[in-house]
N, C-alpha and C. Protein backbone atom coordinates (compact mmCIF):
# COMPACT_ATOMS: atom_id res chain seq x y z
N MET A 1 0.82 -1.19 0.00
CA MET A 1 0.00 0.00 0.00
C MET A 1 0.87 1.26 0.00
N LYS A 2 1.91 1.25 0.81
CA LYS A 2 2.81 2.39 0.89
C LYS A 2 3.45 2.64 -0.47
N ARG A 3 3.77 1.58 -1.19
CA ARG A 3 4.39 1.69 -2.50
C ARG A 3 3.42 2.32 -3.51
N ILE A 4 2.16 1.95 -3.46
CA ILE A 4 1.15 2.51 -4.36
C ILE A 4 0.98 4.01 -4.10
N ILE A 5 0.92 4.38 -2.84
CA ILE A 5 0.78 5.80 -2.50
C ILE A 5 1.99 6.58 -3.01
N THR A 6 3.18 6.03 -2.85
CA THR A 6 4.40 6.68 -3.35
C THR A 6 4.34 6.84 -4.86
N LEU A 7 3.90 5.83 -5.58
CA LEU A 7 3.79 5.92 -7.04
C LEU A 7 2.78 6.98 -7.45
N VAL A 8 1.66 7.04 -6.76
CA VAL A 8 0.63 8.05 -7.07
C VAL A 8 1.20 9.45 -6.84
N LEU A 9 1.91 9.65 -5.75
CA LEU A 9 2.52 10.97 -5.47
C LEU A 9 3.54 11.34 -6.54
N ILE A 10 4.32 10.38 -6.99
CA ILE A 10 5.30 10.63 -8.06
C ILE A 10 4.57 11.04 -9.33
N LEU A 11 3.50 10.34 -9.68
CA LEU A 11 2.73 10.69 -10.88
C LEU A 11 2.13 12.08 -10.78
N ILE A 12 1.55 12.40 -9.64
CA ILE A 12 0.96 13.72 -9.45
C ILE A 12 2.03 14.79 -9.55
N THR A 13 3.15 14.60 -8.91
CA THR A 13 4.25 15.57 -8.94
C THR A 13 4.78 15.75 -10.35
N SER A 14 4.92 14.66 -11.09
CA SER A 14 5.48 14.77 -12.44
C SER A 14 4.52 15.49 -13.38
N THR A 15 3.21 15.33 -13.19
CA THR A 15 2.27 16.05 -14.04
C THR A 15 2.18 17.52 -13.65
N MET A 16 2.65 17.87 -12.46
CA MET A 16 2.61 19.25 -12.01
C MET A 16 3.92 19.99 -12.30
N ALA A 17 4.84 19.34 -13.01
CA ALA A 17 6.12 19.95 -13.30
C ALA A 17 5.93 21.16 -14.21
N SER A 18 6.90 22.05 -14.16
CA SER A 18 6.81 23.24 -15.00
C SER A 18 6.92 22.86 -16.47
N GLN A 19 6.37 23.71 -17.31
CA GLN A 19 6.39 23.52 -18.75
C GLN A 19 7.18 24.68 -19.35
N THR A 20 8.26 24.37 -20.04
CA THR A 20 9.06 25.42 -20.66
C THR A 20 8.36 25.89 -21.93
N ILE A 21 8.09 27.18 -21.98
CA ILE A 21 7.50 27.78 -23.17
C ILE A 21 8.60 28.10 -24.16
N ILE A 22 9.65 28.71 -23.65
CA ILE A 22 10.79 29.04 -24.50
C ILE A 22 12.04 29.09 -23.64
N ASP A 23 13.13 28.57 -24.20
CA ASP A 23 14.44 28.64 -23.55
C ASP A 23 15.42 29.12 -24.61
N LEU A 24 15.65 30.42 -24.63
CA LEU A 24 16.46 31.03 -25.67
C LEU A 24 17.93 30.67 -25.54
N LYS A 25 18.37 30.30 -24.36
CA LYS A 25 19.77 29.89 -24.18
C LYS A 25 20.00 28.53 -24.85
N LYS A 26 19.02 27.63 -24.74
CA LYS A 26 19.14 26.30 -25.36
C LYS A 26 18.83 26.34 -26.85
N THR A 27 17.81 27.13 -27.21
CA THR A 27 17.39 27.22 -28.61
C THR A 27 17.28 28.69 -28.99
N PRO A 28 18.40 29.33 -29.31
CA PRO A 28 18.37 30.76 -29.63
C PRO A 28 17.69 31.02 -30.98
N THR A 29 16.56 31.71 -30.94
CA THR A 29 15.83 32.03 -32.17
C THR A 29 14.98 33.28 -31.97
N THR A 30 14.79 34.01 -33.04
CA THR A 30 13.89 35.16 -33.01
C THR A 30 12.53 34.79 -33.59
N LYS A 31 12.41 33.56 -34.05
CA LYS A 31 11.14 33.10 -34.64
C LYS A 31 10.01 33.20 -33.61
N GLY A 32 8.91 33.79 -34.02
CA GLY A 32 7.76 33.93 -33.14
C GLY A 32 7.73 35.23 -32.35
N TRP A 33 8.83 35.97 -32.34
CA TRP A 33 8.91 37.23 -31.61
C TRP A 33 8.65 38.40 -32.57
N LYS A 34 7.89 39.39 -32.11
CA LYS A 34 7.58 40.55 -32.94
C LYS A 34 7.60 41.81 -32.08
N VAL A 35 8.33 42.81 -32.55
CA VAL A 35 8.38 44.10 -31.85
C VAL A 35 7.18 44.94 -32.29
N VAL A 36 6.52 45.56 -31.31
CA VAL A 36 5.41 46.48 -31.58
C VAL A 36 5.73 47.76 -30.79
N ASP A 37 5.97 48.83 -31.53
CA ASP A 37 6.30 50.13 -30.92
C ASP A 37 5.13 51.08 -31.06
N ASP A 38 5.28 52.25 -30.46
CA ASP A 38 4.24 53.28 -30.54
C ASP A 38 4.09 53.86 -31.95
N VAL A 39 4.93 53.45 -32.89
CA VAL A 39 4.80 53.93 -34.28
C VAL A 39 3.45 53.52 -34.85
N VAL A 40 2.83 52.48 -34.28
CA VAL A 40 1.50 52.07 -34.74
C VAL A 40 0.46 53.16 -34.46
N MET A 41 0.83 54.11 -33.58
CA MET A 41 -0.07 55.22 -33.24
C MET A 41 0.57 56.57 -33.56
N GLY A 42 1.64 56.56 -34.38
CA GLY A 42 2.29 57.79 -34.79
C GLY A 42 3.51 58.17 -33.98
N GLY A 43 3.87 57.38 -32.95
CA GLY A 43 5.03 57.69 -32.12
C GLY A 43 6.35 57.42 -32.83
N ARG A 44 7.46 57.61 -32.11
CA ARG A 44 8.78 57.48 -32.71
C ARG A 44 9.72 56.53 -31.94
N SER A 45 9.18 55.74 -31.04
CA SER A 45 10.03 54.79 -30.31
C SER A 45 10.49 53.68 -31.24
N SER A 46 11.62 53.06 -30.89
CA SER A 46 12.13 51.98 -31.74
C SER A 46 12.74 50.89 -30.88
N GLY A 47 12.22 49.69 -31.04
CA GLY A 47 12.73 48.53 -30.34
C GLY A 47 13.21 47.48 -31.34
N THR A 48 14.11 46.62 -30.88
CA THR A 48 14.65 45.54 -31.70
C THR A 48 14.71 44.30 -30.84
N PHE A 49 14.47 43.15 -31.44
CA PHE A 49 14.65 41.87 -30.76
C PHE A 49 15.59 41.03 -31.59
N GLU A 50 16.68 40.58 -30.96
CA GLU A 50 17.66 39.74 -31.64
C GLU A 50 18.29 38.80 -30.63
N ILE A 51 19.12 37.91 -31.10
CA ILE A 51 19.85 37.01 -30.22
C ILE A 51 21.21 37.64 -29.94
N SER A 52 21.56 37.77 -28.67
CA SER A 52 22.83 38.38 -28.27
C SER A 52 23.98 37.43 -28.57
N GLU A 53 25.20 37.94 -28.50
CA GLU A 53 26.39 37.11 -28.72
C GLU A 53 26.45 35.95 -27.74
N GLU A 54 25.90 36.14 -26.53
CA GLU A 54 25.91 35.10 -25.50
C GLU A 54 24.77 34.10 -25.68
N GLY A 55 23.85 34.36 -26.63
CA GLY A 55 22.76 33.43 -26.90
C GLY A 55 21.46 33.72 -26.19
N TYR A 56 21.30 34.92 -25.66
CA TYR A 56 20.05 35.32 -25.01
C TYR A 56 19.19 36.11 -25.98
N GLY A 57 17.88 36.16 -25.71
CA GLY A 57 17.03 37.07 -26.45
C GLY A 57 17.30 38.47 -25.94
N LYS A 58 17.51 39.40 -26.84
CA LYS A 58 17.87 40.77 -26.46
C LYS A 58 16.84 41.74 -27.04
N PHE A 59 16.05 42.34 -26.16
CA PHE A 59 15.06 43.35 -26.52
C PHE A 59 15.65 44.69 -26.09
N TYR A 60 15.90 45.56 -27.05
CA TYR A 60 16.54 46.83 -26.72
C TYR A 60 16.09 47.92 -27.69
N GLY A 61 16.37 49.15 -27.30
CA GLY A 61 16.02 50.27 -28.17
C GLY A 61 15.88 51.55 -27.40
N GLU A 62 14.99 52.39 -27.90
CA GLU A 62 14.81 53.71 -27.30
C GLU A 62 13.33 54.07 -27.31
N VAL A 63 12.85 54.53 -26.16
CA VAL A 63 11.49 55.02 -26.04
C VAL A 63 11.54 56.52 -26.25
N SER A 64 10.69 57.00 -27.14
CA SER A 64 10.59 58.42 -27.44
C SER A 64 9.20 58.92 -27.06
N LEU A 65 9.13 60.15 -26.59
CA LEU A 65 7.84 60.76 -26.27
C LEU A 65 7.32 61.64 -27.41
N GLU A 66 8.11 61.74 -28.48
CA GLU A 66 7.71 62.56 -29.63
C GLU A 66 6.40 62.03 -30.23
N ASN A 67 5.58 62.94 -30.75
CA ASN A 67 4.32 62.57 -31.42
C ASN A 67 3.40 61.77 -30.52
N ASN A 68 3.39 62.07 -29.23
CA ASN A 68 2.54 61.37 -28.25
C ASN A 68 2.89 59.88 -28.13
N GLY A 69 4.16 59.56 -28.36
CA GLY A 69 4.61 58.17 -28.22
C GLY A 69 4.95 57.88 -26.77
N GLY A 70 5.66 56.75 -26.57
CA GLY A 70 6.09 56.46 -25.22
C GLY A 70 6.18 54.99 -24.85
N PHE A 71 6.15 54.06 -25.84
CA PHE A 71 6.31 52.66 -25.46
C PHE A 71 6.96 51.84 -26.58
N SER A 72 7.56 50.75 -26.15
CA SER A 72 8.07 49.74 -27.06
C SER A 72 7.77 48.39 -26.42
N SER A 73 7.43 47.42 -27.22
CA SER A 73 7.12 46.10 -26.68
C SER A 73 7.59 45.00 -27.64
N VAL A 74 7.73 43.82 -27.06
CA VAL A 74 8.02 42.64 -27.87
C VAL A 74 7.05 41.55 -27.44
N ARG A 75 6.44 40.90 -28.42
CA ARG A 75 5.45 39.88 -28.10
C ARG A 75 5.88 38.54 -28.67
N TYR A 76 5.36 37.51 -28.03
CA TYR A 76 5.61 36.13 -28.46
C TYR A 76 4.27 35.42 -28.51
N ASP A 77 3.83 35.06 -29.71
CA ASP A 77 2.58 34.34 -29.88
C ASP A 77 2.84 32.85 -29.72
N VAL A 78 1.95 32.18 -29.01
CA VAL A 78 2.09 30.74 -28.78
C VAL A 78 0.78 30.05 -29.13
N GLU A 79 0.89 28.76 -29.43
CA GLU A 79 -0.32 27.96 -29.55
C GLU A 79 -0.97 27.98 -28.17
N PRO A 80 -2.28 27.88 -28.08
CA PRO A 80 -2.92 27.98 -26.77
C PRO A 80 -2.27 27.07 -25.73
N LEU A 81 -1.81 27.69 -24.64
CA LEU A 81 -1.18 26.97 -23.53
C LEU A 81 -2.20 26.81 -22.42
N LYS A 82 -2.37 25.61 -21.94
CA LYS A 82 -3.30 25.35 -20.83
C LYS A 82 -2.70 25.87 -19.53
N VAL A 83 -3.50 26.59 -18.78
CA VAL A 83 -3.11 27.09 -17.47
C VAL A 83 -4.24 26.84 -16.49
N GLY A 84 -3.91 26.84 -15.23
CA GLY A 84 -4.91 26.64 -14.19
C GLY A 84 -5.08 27.87 -13.33
N PRO A 85 -5.99 27.82 -12.37
CA PRO A 85 -6.28 28.99 -11.54
C PRO A 85 -5.11 29.44 -10.66
N LYS A 86 -4.19 28.53 -10.38
CA LYS A 86 -3.03 28.90 -9.54
C LYS A 86 -1.73 28.93 -10.33
N SER A 87 -1.80 28.87 -11.65
CA SER A 87 -0.60 28.83 -12.48
C SER A 87 0.22 30.10 -12.33
N LYS A 88 1.52 29.92 -12.50
CA LYS A 88 2.47 31.04 -12.46
C LYS A 88 3.29 31.01 -13.75
N ILE A 89 3.78 32.17 -14.11
CA ILE A 89 4.75 32.28 -15.19
C ILE A 89 6.08 32.60 -14.54
N GLN A 90 7.10 31.82 -14.87
CA GLN A 90 8.45 32.06 -14.34
C GLN A 90 9.31 32.55 -15.49
N VAL A 91 9.96 33.69 -15.28
CA VAL A 91 10.80 34.30 -16.31
C VAL A 91 12.20 34.50 -15.75
N ARG A 92 13.18 34.09 -16.54
CA ARG A 92 14.58 34.38 -16.19
C ARG A 92 15.05 35.47 -17.15
N LEU A 93 15.47 36.61 -16.56
CA LEU A 93 15.85 37.76 -17.37
C LEU A 93 16.90 38.60 -16.66
N LYS A 94 17.48 39.48 -17.44
CA LYS A 94 18.41 40.48 -16.90
C LYS A 94 18.05 41.81 -17.52
N GLY A 95 17.70 42.76 -16.68
CA GLY A 95 17.31 44.07 -17.15
C GLY A 95 18.37 45.11 -16.88
N ASP A 96 17.98 46.33 -17.09
CA ASP A 96 18.89 47.48 -17.00
C ASP A 96 18.56 48.39 -15.82
N GLY A 97 17.79 47.87 -14.86
CA GLY A 97 17.40 48.69 -13.71
C GLY A 97 16.12 49.47 -13.93
N LYS A 98 15.51 49.32 -15.10
CA LYS A 98 14.28 50.05 -15.39
C LYS A 98 13.05 49.19 -15.08
N THR A 99 11.90 49.84 -15.11
CA THR A 99 10.62 49.18 -14.84
C THR A 99 9.98 48.76 -16.15
N TYR A 100 9.45 47.53 -16.17
CA TYR A 100 8.81 46.96 -17.35
C TYR A 100 7.45 46.40 -16.97
N GLN A 101 6.69 46.04 -17.98
CA GLN A 101 5.43 45.32 -17.79
C GLN A 101 5.57 43.94 -18.42
N PHE A 102 5.01 42.96 -17.74
CA PHE A 102 4.83 41.63 -18.33
C PHE A 102 3.35 41.51 -18.61
N ARG A 103 2.99 41.06 -19.82
CA ARG A 103 1.61 41.00 -20.24
C ARG A 103 1.28 39.64 -20.84
N VAL A 104 0.05 39.22 -20.66
CA VAL A 104 -0.44 38.02 -21.33
C VAL A 104 -1.81 38.31 -21.93
N LYS A 105 -2.13 37.55 -22.95
CA LYS A 105 -3.49 37.55 -23.51
C LYS A 105 -3.98 36.12 -23.52
N ALA A 106 -5.19 35.93 -23.06
CA ALA A 106 -5.82 34.61 -23.11
C ALA A 106 -6.17 34.27 -24.55
N ASN A 107 -6.57 35.28 -25.30
CA ASN A 107 -6.91 35.13 -26.70
C ASN A 107 -6.22 36.28 -27.44
N LYS A 108 -5.39 35.97 -28.42
CA LYS A 108 -4.63 37.04 -29.07
C LYS A 108 -5.51 38.06 -29.78
N GLN A 109 -6.80 37.74 -29.99
CA GLN A 109 -7.73 38.68 -30.61
C GLN A 109 -8.32 39.68 -29.61
N ASP A 110 -8.14 39.43 -28.30
CA ASP A 110 -8.65 40.36 -27.28
C ASP A 110 -8.02 41.73 -27.46
N TYR A 111 -8.77 42.78 -27.19
CA TYR A 111 -8.23 44.13 -27.30
C TYR A 111 -7.41 44.51 -26.07
N TYR A 112 -7.57 43.80 -24.98
CA TYR A 112 -6.89 44.13 -23.73
C TYR A 112 -5.90 43.02 -23.35
N SER A 113 -5.00 43.38 -22.45
CA SER A 113 -4.02 42.44 -21.91
C SER A 113 -4.15 42.39 -20.40
N TYR A 114 -3.65 41.32 -19.82
CA TYR A 114 -3.53 41.21 -18.37
C TYR A 114 -2.07 41.50 -18.05
N ILE A 115 -1.83 42.40 -17.08
CA ILE A 115 -0.46 42.86 -16.86
C ILE A 115 -0.04 42.82 -15.39
N THR A 116 1.28 42.85 -15.24
CA THR A 116 1.91 43.12 -13.96
C THR A 116 3.14 43.97 -14.26
N ILE A 117 3.57 44.73 -13.28
CA ILE A 117 4.73 45.62 -13.44
C ILE A 117 5.86 45.07 -12.59
N PHE A 118 7.08 45.11 -13.14
CA PHE A 118 8.24 44.64 -12.38
C PHE A 118 9.44 45.55 -12.65
N LYS A 119 10.30 45.64 -11.66
CA LYS A 119 11.52 46.44 -11.77
C LYS A 119 12.70 45.51 -11.90
N THR A 120 13.57 45.81 -12.83
CA THR A 120 14.78 45.02 -13.00
C THR A 120 15.90 45.59 -12.13
N THR A 121 16.89 44.74 -11.84
CA THR A 121 17.96 45.13 -10.92
C THR A 121 19.31 45.36 -11.59
N GLY A 122 19.44 44.96 -12.85
CA GLY A 122 20.74 45.00 -13.50
C GLY A 122 21.46 43.66 -13.40
N ASP A 123 20.93 42.75 -12.59
CA ASP A 123 21.46 41.38 -12.45
C ASP A 123 20.45 40.39 -13.00
N TRP A 124 20.86 39.15 -13.14
CA TRP A 124 19.93 38.09 -13.54
C TRP A 124 18.90 37.89 -12.44
N GLN A 125 17.64 37.77 -12.85
CA GLN A 125 16.54 37.58 -11.91
C GLN A 125 15.67 36.41 -12.37
N ASN A 126 15.14 35.66 -11.40
CA ASN A 126 14.11 34.65 -11.65
C ASN A 126 12.83 35.22 -11.07
N LEU A 127 11.94 35.66 -11.94
CA LEU A 127 10.70 36.29 -11.51
C LEU A 127 9.54 35.32 -11.69
N GLU A 128 8.60 35.35 -10.76
CA GLU A 128 7.39 34.54 -10.86
C GLU A 128 6.19 35.46 -10.79
N PHE A 129 5.29 35.30 -11.75
CA PHE A 129 4.07 36.08 -11.80
C PHE A 129 2.88 35.13 -11.68
N VAL A 130 2.08 35.30 -10.64
CA VAL A 130 0.87 34.50 -10.48
C VAL A 130 -0.16 35.05 -11.45
N LEU A 131 -0.66 34.21 -12.35
CA LEU A 131 -1.58 34.69 -13.38
C LEU A 131 -2.81 35.37 -12.78
N ALA A 132 -3.34 34.83 -11.70
CA ALA A 132 -4.55 35.40 -11.08
C ALA A 132 -4.32 36.81 -10.53
N ASP A 133 -3.06 37.22 -10.39
CA ASP A 133 -2.74 38.57 -9.90
C ASP A 133 -2.67 39.60 -11.03
N LEU A 134 -2.63 39.15 -12.28
CA LEU A 134 -2.54 40.07 -13.42
C LEU A 134 -3.89 40.73 -13.66
N HIS A 135 -3.86 42.05 -13.82
CA HIS A 135 -5.11 42.80 -14.02
C HIS A 135 -5.24 43.26 -15.48
N PRO A 136 -6.48 43.40 -15.95
CA PRO A 136 -6.71 43.77 -17.35
C PRO A 136 -6.53 45.27 -17.58
N THR A 137 -5.85 45.59 -18.67
CA THR A 137 -5.67 47.00 -19.06
C THR A 137 -5.81 47.13 -20.57
N PHE A 138 -6.10 48.35 -20.97
CA PHE A 138 -6.14 48.71 -22.39
C PHE A 138 -5.63 50.13 -22.51
N ARG A 139 -4.58 50.30 -23.31
CA ARG A 139 -3.95 51.61 -23.53
C ARG A 139 -3.65 52.34 -22.24
N GLY A 140 -3.09 51.60 -21.28
CA GLY A 140 -2.65 52.19 -20.03
C GLY A 140 -3.73 52.39 -18.98
N ARG A 141 -4.96 52.02 -19.29
CA ARG A 141 -6.04 52.18 -18.33
C ARG A 141 -6.50 50.83 -17.80
N LYS A 142 -6.62 50.75 -16.48
CA LYS A 142 -7.11 49.53 -15.85
C LYS A 142 -8.59 49.39 -16.15
N LEU A 143 -9.00 48.20 -16.57
CA LEU A 143 -10.39 47.94 -16.93
C LEU A 143 -11.17 47.39 -15.74
N ASP A 144 -12.45 47.62 -15.74
CA ASP A 144 -13.33 47.12 -14.69
C ASP A 144 -13.77 45.69 -15.04
N LEU A 145 -12.80 44.80 -15.06
CA LEU A 145 -13.00 43.38 -15.34
C LEU A 145 -12.22 42.59 -14.30
N PRO A 146 -12.55 41.32 -14.11
CA PRO A 146 -11.80 40.52 -13.14
C PRO A 146 -10.35 40.31 -13.57
N ASN A 147 -9.49 40.03 -12.59
CA ASN A 147 -8.12 39.64 -12.89
C ASN A 147 -8.14 38.37 -13.74
N PHE A 148 -6.97 37.97 -14.21
CA PHE A 148 -6.86 36.81 -15.10
C PHE A 148 -7.54 35.60 -14.47
N ASP A 149 -8.51 35.05 -15.18
CA ASP A 149 -9.23 33.86 -14.72
C ASP A 149 -9.51 32.91 -15.89
N GLN A 150 -8.64 32.93 -16.87
CA GLN A 150 -8.80 32.14 -18.08
C GLN A 150 -8.11 30.78 -17.95
N ASN A 151 -8.32 29.90 -18.94
CA ASN A 151 -7.66 28.60 -18.88
C ASN A 151 -6.65 28.39 -20.01
N THR A 152 -6.40 29.44 -20.80
CA THR A 152 -5.36 29.38 -21.83
C THR A 152 -4.64 30.72 -21.93
N ILE A 153 -3.46 30.65 -22.54
CA ILE A 153 -2.68 31.84 -22.89
C ILE A 153 -2.28 31.68 -24.35
N GLU A 154 -2.39 32.78 -25.12
CA GLU A 154 -1.99 32.75 -26.53
C GLU A 154 -0.94 33.79 -26.87
N GLU A 155 -0.64 34.71 -25.92
CA GLU A 155 0.36 35.73 -26.20
C GLU A 155 1.07 36.14 -24.92
N LEU A 156 2.38 36.31 -25.02
CA LEU A 156 3.22 36.84 -23.94
C LEU A 156 3.87 38.11 -24.46
N ARG A 157 4.05 39.10 -23.59
CA ARG A 157 4.63 40.35 -24.06
C ARG A 157 5.40 41.05 -22.94
N PHE A 158 6.47 41.71 -23.32
CA PHE A 158 7.21 42.60 -22.43
C PHE A 158 7.08 44.00 -23.01
N LEU A 159 6.83 44.99 -22.13
CA LEU A 159 6.61 46.35 -22.59
C LEU A 159 7.34 47.30 -21.66
N ILE A 160 7.92 48.34 -22.26
CA ILE A 160 8.48 49.44 -21.48
C ILE A 160 7.75 50.70 -21.92
N GLY A 161 7.26 51.44 -20.94
CA GLY A 161 6.53 52.68 -21.20
C GLY A 161 6.40 53.45 -19.90
N ASN A 162 7.47 54.11 -19.50
CA ASN A 162 7.54 54.76 -18.19
C ASN A 162 7.30 56.27 -18.24
N LYS A 163 6.67 56.74 -19.31
CA LYS A 163 6.36 58.16 -19.47
C LYS A 163 7.59 59.04 -19.47
N LYS A 164 8.71 58.46 -19.98
CA LYS A 164 9.93 59.26 -20.17
C LYS A 164 10.74 58.68 -21.32
N ALA A 165 11.45 59.57 -21.99
CA ALA A 165 12.34 59.14 -23.07
C ALA A 165 13.53 58.42 -22.43
N GLN A 166 13.84 57.24 -22.94
CA GLN A 166 14.95 56.48 -22.36
C GLN A 166 15.37 55.34 -23.28
N GLN A 167 16.64 54.96 -23.15
CA GLN A 167 17.12 53.77 -23.82
C GLN A 167 16.85 52.59 -22.89
N PHE A 168 16.75 51.39 -23.45
CA PHE A 168 16.45 50.21 -22.63
C PHE A 168 17.12 48.97 -23.21
N GLU A 169 17.30 47.98 -22.33
CA GLU A 169 17.82 46.68 -22.76
C GLU A 169 17.37 45.62 -21.77
N LEU A 170 16.76 44.58 -22.29
CA LEU A 170 16.26 43.46 -21.50
C LEU A 170 16.73 42.17 -22.15
N LEU A 171 17.48 41.35 -21.37
CA LEU A 171 17.92 40.05 -21.86
C LEU A 171 16.99 38.97 -21.32
N LEU A 172 16.54 38.09 -22.19
CA LEU A 172 15.63 37.00 -21.81
C LEU A 172 16.32 35.66 -22.00
N GLU A 173 16.21 34.81 -20.97
CA GLU A 173 16.75 33.46 -21.09
C GLU A 173 15.63 32.45 -21.27
N SER A 174 14.63 32.46 -20.38
CA SER A 174 13.58 31.44 -20.47
C SER A 174 12.27 31.92 -19.87
N ILE A 175 11.19 31.26 -20.31
CA ILE A 175 9.84 31.50 -19.80
C ILE A 175 9.20 30.14 -19.59
N LYS A 176 8.64 29.92 -18.39
CA LYS A 176 8.02 28.65 -18.05
C LYS A 176 6.66 28.88 -17.41
N ILE A 177 5.80 27.87 -17.53
CA ILE A 177 4.54 27.85 -16.79
C ILE A 177 4.71 26.87 -15.64
N ILE A 178 4.33 27.31 -14.45
CA ILE A 178 4.34 26.44 -13.27
C ILE A 178 2.89 26.23 -12.88
N PRO A 179 2.43 24.97 -12.90
CA PRO A 179 1.01 24.72 -12.60
C PRO A 179 0.63 25.12 -11.17
């Protein structure tokens, strides 16, 4: 009986293991990543996403406030990923000491995103974002909708838009879902 219980616990634990969405250090690629800047609304910010010499994803550029601009973002579209009510997203990254947003969309056709704000330290960080803590926003305004309560994710995004002109650089190593 003790052996059966142990086997059941092993099975439960193994099905609850994290799921790697992307590991740029193991598989360096820009495929699936797309930069979206404020130029879509007439702004002048410019971001780039490429693989660094060390093999990390490198999102960098300059945020401009000209022409009512002020943001740059990089998104990664995925096939629908199953998530649960307590799921977390774990990101390994290295920033430049600036504040960024992490965003998800349950459906890439939605007009709004669920977001959280995080500050980088200049060192490598392992950040965890509880999906249920992400709140819905559209064009910088918090919406009167519930926090993330969906069962899939179809888009991941990093955005910088701190209401000031600035250069930025964010290195990405990996993104995982933790059930």
